[in-house]
């Protein structure tokens, strides 16, 4: 999977996948062979952080 470079688009994509298909960020990253650290750093740039309880970036 190719991730969007725009952090807002990335946020939308990941939260949709987490809501509809994946039980956790780890599960999402493992399924698509993605770097969790890259995603969390990119989204922290726009002040979004992963919330495990809600399984989304807020």
PDB file of N, CA and C in Angstrom:
ATOM      1  N   UNK A   1       0.841  -1.175   0.000  1.00  0.00           N
ATOM      2  CA  UNK A   1       0.000   0.000   0.000  1.00  0.00           C
ATOM      3  C   UNK A   1       0.889   1.242   0.000  1.00  0.00           C
ATOM      4  N   UNK A   2       0.550   2.169  -0.856  1.00  0.00           N
ATOM      5  CA  UNK A   2       1.257   3.439  -0.894  1.00  0.00           C
ATOM      6  C   UNK A   2       0.483   4.442  -0.041  1.00  0.00           C
ATOM      7  N   UNK A   3       1.186   5.045   0.889  1.00  0.00           N
ATOM      8  CA  UNK A   3       0.541   5.999   1.784  1.00  0.00           C
ATOM      9  C   UNK A   3       0.568   7.406   1.200  1.00  0.00           C
ATOM     10  N   UNK A   4      -0.492   8.171   1.432  1.00  0.00           N
ATOM     11  CA  UNK A   4      -0.483   9.569   0.991  1.00  0.00           C
ATOM     12  C   UNK A   4       0.600  10.364   1.713  1.00  0.00           C
ATOM     13  N   UNK A   5       1.177  11.310   1.035  1.00  0.00           N
ATOM     14  CA  UNK A   5       2.208  12.147   1.656  1.00  0.00           C
ATOM     15  C   UNK A   5       1.602  13.249   2.500  1.00  0.00           C
ATOM     16  N   UNK A   6       0.419  13.679   2.139  1.00  0.00           N
ATOM     17  CA  UNK A   6      -0.289  14.714   2.892  1.00  0.00           C
ATOM     18  C   UNK A   6      -0.777  14.109   4.217  1.00  0.00           C
ATOM     19  N   UNK A   7      -0.381  14.678   5.357  1.00  0.00           N
ATOM     20  CA  UNK A   7      -0.757  14.111   6.656  1.00  0.00           C
ATOM     21  C   UNK A   7      -2.271  14.040   6.885  1.00  0.00           C
ATOM     22  N   UNK A   8      -3.021  14.988   6.360  1.00  0.00           N
ATOM     23  CA  UNK A   8      -4.479  14.977   6.546  1.00  0.00           C
ATOM     24  C   UNK A   8      -5.102  13.820   5.762  1.00  0.00           C
ATOM     25  N   UNK A   9      -4.621  13.598   4.571  1.00  0.00           N
ATOM     26  CA  UNK A   9      -5.107  12.460   3.778  1.00  0.00           C
ATOM     27  C   UNK A   9      -4.698  11.139   4.425  1.00  0.00           C
ATOM     28  N   UNK A  10      -3.496  11.104   4.952  1.00  0.00           N
ATOM     29  CA  UNK A  10      -3.021   9.921   5.665  1.00  0.00           C
ATOM     30  C   UNK A  10      -3.909   9.633   6.868  1.00  0.00           C
ATOM     31  N   UNK A  11      -4.230  10.661   7.619  1.00  0.00           N
ATOM     32  CA  UNK A  11      -5.118  10.519   8.777  1.00  0.00           C
ATOM     33  C   UNK A  11      -6.451   9.912   8.362  1.00  0.00           C
ATOM     34  N   UNK A  12      -7.040  10.435   7.336  1.00  0.00           N
ATOM     35  CA  UNK A  12      -8.326   9.942   6.864  1.00  0.00           C
ATOM     36  C   UNK A  12      -8.248   8.474   6.451  1.00  0.00           C
ATOM     37  N   UNK A  13      -7.241   8.140   5.680  1.00  0.00           N
ATOM     38  CA  UNK A  13      -7.065   6.762   5.229  1.00  0.00           C
ATOM     39  C   UNK A  13      -6.896   5.803   6.406  1.00  0.00           C
ATOM     40  N   UNK A  14      -6.008   6.141   7.309  1.00  0.00           N
ATOM     41  CA  UNK A  14      -5.705   5.223   8.410  1.00  0.00           C
ATOM     42  C   UNK A  14      -6.889   5.087   9.356  1.00  0.00           C
ATOM     43  N   UNK A  15      -7.533   6.176   9.713  1.00  0.00           N
ATOM     44  CA  UNK A  15      -8.681   6.059  10.614  1.00  0.00           C
ATOM     45  C   UNK A  15      -9.818   5.269   9.978  1.00  0.00           C
ATOM     46  N   UNK A  16      -9.990   5.395   8.687  1.00  0.00           N
ATOM     47  CA  UNK A  16     -11.007   4.601   8.000  1.00  0.00           C
ATOM     48  C   UNK A  16     -10.661   3.119   8.051  1.00  0.00           C
ATOM     49  N   UNK A  17      -9.419   2.798   7.748  1.00  0.00           N
ATOM     50  CA  UNK A  17      -8.990   1.392   7.794  1.00  0.00           C
ATOM     51  C   UNK A  17      -9.107   0.832   9.215  1.00  0.00           C
ATOM     52  N   UNK A  18      -8.699   1.630  10.200  1.00  0.00           N
ATOM     53  CA  UNK A  18      -8.788   1.162  11.585  1.00  0.00           C
ATOM     54  C   UNK A  18     -10.238   0.927  11.986  1.00  0.00           C
ATOM     55  N   UNK A  19     -11.106   1.820  11.583  1.00  0.00           N
ATOM     56  CA  UNK A  19     -12.526   1.693  11.936  1.00  0.00           C
ATOM     57  C   UNK A  19     -13.168   0.489  11.253  1.00  0.00           C
ATOM     58  N   UNK A  20     -12.861   0.299   9.969  1.00  0.00           N
ATOM     59  CA  UNK A  20     -13.595  -0.696   9.183  1.00  0.00           C
ATOM     60  C   UNK A  20     -12.947  -2.077   9.090  1.00  0.00           C
ATOM     61  N   UNK A  21     -11.603  -2.125   9.239  1.00  0.00           N
ATOM     62  CA  UNK A  21     -10.943  -3.397   8.932  1.00  0.00           C
ATOM     63  C   UNK A  21      -9.939  -3.913   9.953  1.00  0.00           C
ATOM     64  N   UNK A  22      -9.361  -3.044  10.750  1.00  0.00           N
ATOM     65  CA  UNK A  22      -8.270  -3.487  11.615  1.00  0.00           C
ATOM     66  C   UNK A  22      -8.569  -3.227  13.081  1.00  0.00           C
ATOM     67  N   UNK A  23      -8.152  -4.151  13.910  1.00  0.00           N
ATOM     68  CA  UNK A  23      -8.443  -4.063  15.344  1.00  0.00           C
ATOM     69  C   UNK A  23      -7.439  -3.211  16.108  1.00  0.00           C
ATOM     70  N   UNK A  24      -6.324  -2.854  15.455  1.00  0.00           N
ATOM     71  CA  UNK A  24      -5.312  -2.028  16.121  1.00  0.00           C
ATOM     72  C   UNK A  24      -4.372  -1.446  15.064  1.00  0.00           C
ATOM     73  N   UNK A  25      -3.603  -0.466  15.494  1.00  0.00           N
ATOM     74  CA  UNK A  25      -2.590   0.109  14.594  1.00  0.00           C
ATOM     75  C   UNK A  25      -1.532  -0.938  14.267  1.00  0.00           C
ATOM     76  N   UNK A  26      -1.160  -1.737  15.225  1.00  0.00           N
ATOM     77  CA  UNK A  26      -0.181  -2.810  14.975  1.00  0.00           C
ATOM     78  C   UNK A  26      -0.702  -3.781  13.916  1.00  0.00           C
ATOM     79  N   UNK A  27      -1.966  -4.135  14.039  1.00  0.00           N
ATOM     80  CA  UNK A  27      -2.590  -5.040  13.072  1.00  0.00           C
ATOM     81  C   UNK A  27      -2.583  -4.415  11.671  1.00  0.00           C
ATOM     82  N   UNK A  28      -2.935  -3.154  11.585  1.00  0.00           N
ATOM     83  CA  UNK A  28      -2.932  -2.434  10.313  1.00  0.00           C
ATOM     84  C   UNK A  28      -1.536  -2.430   9.683  1.00  0.00           C
ATOM     85  N   UNK A  29      -0.545  -2.071  10.473  1.00  0.00           N
ATOM     86  CA  UNK A  29       0.836  -2.000   9.964  1.00  0.00           C
ATOM     87  C   UNK A  29       1.345  -3.363   9.533  1.00  0.00           C
ATOM     88  N   UNK A  30       0.998  -4.364  10.289  1.00  0.00           N
ATOM     89  CA  UNK A  30       1.437  -5.716   9.951  1.00  0.00           C
ATOM     90  C   UNK A  30       0.770  -6.196   8.653  1.00  0.00           C
ATOM     91  N   UNK A  31      -0.512  -5.950   8.531  1.00  0.00           N
ATOM     92  CA  UNK A  31      -1.238  -6.391   7.335  1.00  0.00           C
ATOM     93  C   UNK A  31      -0.701  -5.750   6.063  1.00  0.00           C
ATOM     94  N   UNK A  32      -0.345  -4.467   6.143  1.00  0.00           N
ATOM     95  CA  UNK A  32       0.113  -3.746   4.954  1.00  0.00           C
ATOM     96  C   UNK A  32       1.623  -3.550   4.908  1.00  0.00           C
ATOM     97  N   UNK A  33       2.319  -4.181   5.847  1.00  0.00           N
ATOM     98  CA  UNK A  33       3.781  -4.100   5.896  1.00  0.00           C
ATOM     99  C   UNK A  33       4.262  -2.642   5.917  1.00  0.00           C
ATOM    100  N   UNK A  34       3.734  -1.887   6.888  1.00  0.00           N
ATOM    101  CA  UNK A  34       4.046  -0.469   7.022  1.00  0.00           C
ATOM    102  C   UNK A  34       4.799  -0.191   8.311  1.00  0.00           C
ATOM    103  N   UNK A  35       5.504   0.905   8.313  1.00  0.00           N
ATOM    104  CA  UNK A  35       6.306   1.313   9.465  1.00  0.00           C
ATOM    105  C   UNK A  35       5.440   2.143  10.421  1.00  0.00           C
ATOM    106  N   UNK A  36       5.152   1.574  11.566  1.00  0.00           N
ATOM    107  CA  UNK A  36       4.310   2.237  12.564  1.00  0.00           C
ATOM    108  C   UNK A  36       4.919   3.560  13.022  1.00  0.00           C
ATOM    109  N   UNK A  37       6.214   3.585  13.206  1.00  0.00           N
ATOM    110  CA  UNK A  37       6.894   4.799  13.664  1.00  0.00           C
ATOM    111  C   UNK A  37       6.742   5.925  12.642  1.00  0.00           C
ATOM    112  N   UNK A  38       6.870   5.605  11.385  1.00  0.00           N
ATOM    113  CA  UNK A  38       6.697   6.618  10.336  1.00  0.00           C
ATOM    114  C   UNK A  38       5.292   7.226  10.405  1.00  0.00           C
ATOM    115  N   UNK A  39       4.296   6.382  10.538  1.00  0.00           N
ATOM    116  CA  UNK A  39       2.907   6.843  10.585  1.00  0.00           C
ATOM    117  C   UNK A  39       2.662   7.714  11.811  1.00  0.00           C
ATOM    118  N   UNK A  40       3.104   7.261  12.962  1.00  0.00           N
ATOM    119  CA  UNK A  40       2.865   8.035  14.181  1.00  0.00           C
ATOM    120  C   UNK A  40       3.604   9.369  14.155  1.00  0.00           C
ATOM    121  N   UNK A  41       4.800   9.384  13.610  1.00  0.00           N
ATOM    122  CA  UNK A  41       5.551  10.648  13.503  1.00  0.00           C
ATOM    123  C   UNK A  41       4.888  11.609  12.520  1.00  0.00           C
ATOM    124  N   UNK A  42       4.463  11.086  11.392  1.00  0.00           N
ATOM    125  CA  UNK A  42       3.825  11.928  10.375  1.00  0.00           C
ATOM    126  C   UNK A  42       2.539  12.553  10.917  1.00  0.00           C
ATOM    127  N   UNK A  43       1.755  11.772  11.636  1.00  0.00           N
ATOM    128  CA  UNK A  43       0.492  12.294  12.155  1.00  0.00           C
ATOM    129  C   UNK A  43       0.692  13.168  13.393  1.00  0.00           C
ATOM    130  N   UNK A  44       1.759  12.964  14.096  1.00  0.00           N
ATOM    131  CA  UNK A  44       2.036  13.848  15.238  1.00  0.00           C
ATOM    132  C   UNK A  44       2.386  15.252  14.751  1.00  0.00           C
ATOM    133  N   UNK A  45       2.840  15.368  13.507  1.00  0.00           N
ATOM    134  CA  UNK A  45       3.134  16.677  12.929  1.00  0.00           C
ATOM    135  C   UNK A  45       1.881  17.555  12.844  1.00  0.00           C
ATOM    136  N   UNK A  46       0.728  16.936  12.756  1.00  0.00           N
ATOM    137  CA  UNK A  46      -0.524  17.690  12.730  1.00  0.00           C
ATOM    138  C   UNK A  46      -1.295  17.487  14.040  1.00  0.00           C
ATOM    139  N   UNK A  47      -0.554  17.087  15.057  1.00  0.00           N
ATOM    140  CA  UNK A  47      -1.071  16.956  16.418  1.00  0.00           C
ATOM    141  C   UNK A  47      -2.146  15.881  16.580  1.00  0.00           C
ATOM    142  N   UNK A  48      -1.963  14.766  15.895  1.00  0.00           N
ATOM    143  CA  UNK A  48      -2.831  13.600  16.065  1.00  0.00           C
ATOM    144  C   UNK A  48      -1.989  12.463  16.624  1.00  0.00           C
ATOM    145  N   UNK A  49      -2.578  11.755  17.590  1.00  0.00           N
ATOM    146  CA  UNK A  49      -1.868  10.675  18.262  1.00  0.00           C
ATOM    147  C   UNK A  49      -2.798   9.474  18.379  1.00  0.00           C
ATOM    148  N   UNK A  50      -2.203   8.308  18.300  1.00  0.00           N
ATOM    149  CA  UNK A  50      -2.999   7.089  18.340  1.00  0.00           C
ATOM    150  C   UNK A  50      -3.547   6.842  19.731  1.00  0.00           C
ATOM    151  N   UNK A  51      -4.839   6.552  19.792  1.00  0.00           N
ATOM    152  CA  UNK A  51      -5.503   6.206  21.035  1.00  0.00           C
ATOM    153  C   UNK A  51      -5.922   4.744  20.920  1.00  0.00           C
ATOM    154  N   UNK A  52      -5.274   3.890  21.704  1.00  0.00           N
ATOM    155  CA  UNK A  52      -5.548   2.448  21.623  1.00  0.00           C
ATOM    156  C   UNK A  52      -6.979   2.106  21.999  1.00  0.00           C
ATOM    157  N   UNK A  53      -7.488   2.774  23.001  1.00  0.00           N
ATOM    158  CA  UNK A  53      -8.833   2.494  23.484  1.00  0.00           C
ATOM    159  C   UNK A  53      -9.882   2.736  22.389  1.00  0.00           C
ATOM    160  N   UNK A  54      -9.697   3.800  21.647  1.00  0.00           N
ATOM    161  CA  UNK A  54     -10.640   4.152  20.582  1.00  0.00           C
ATOM    162  C   UNK A  54     -10.233   3.594  19.227  1.00  0.00           C
ATOM    163  N   UNK A  55      -9.016   3.085  19.139  1.00  0.00           N
ATOM    164  CA  UNK A  55      -8.463   2.541  17.904  1.00  0.00           C
ATOM    165  C   UNK A  55      -8.554   3.563  16.773  1.00  0.00           C
ATOM    166  N   UNK A  56      -8.086   4.753  17.070  1.00  0.00           N
ATOM    167  CA  UNK A  56      -8.033   5.793  16.052  1.00  0.00           C
ATOM    168  C   UNK A  56      -7.060   6.878  16.460  1.00  0.00           C
ATOM    169  N   UNK A  57      -6.701   7.678  15.494  1.00  0.00           N
ATOM    170  CA  UNK A  57      -5.867   8.847  15.780  1.00  0.00           C
ATOM    171  C   UNK A  57      -6.800   9.985  16.129  1.00  0.00           C
ATOM    172  N   UNK A  58      -6.512  10.615  17.266  1.00  0.00           N
ATOM    173  CA  UNK A  58      -7.350  11.737  17.716  1.00  0.00           C
ATOM    174  C   UNK A  58      -6.476  12.917  18.065  1.00  0.00           C
TER     175      UNK A  58
END
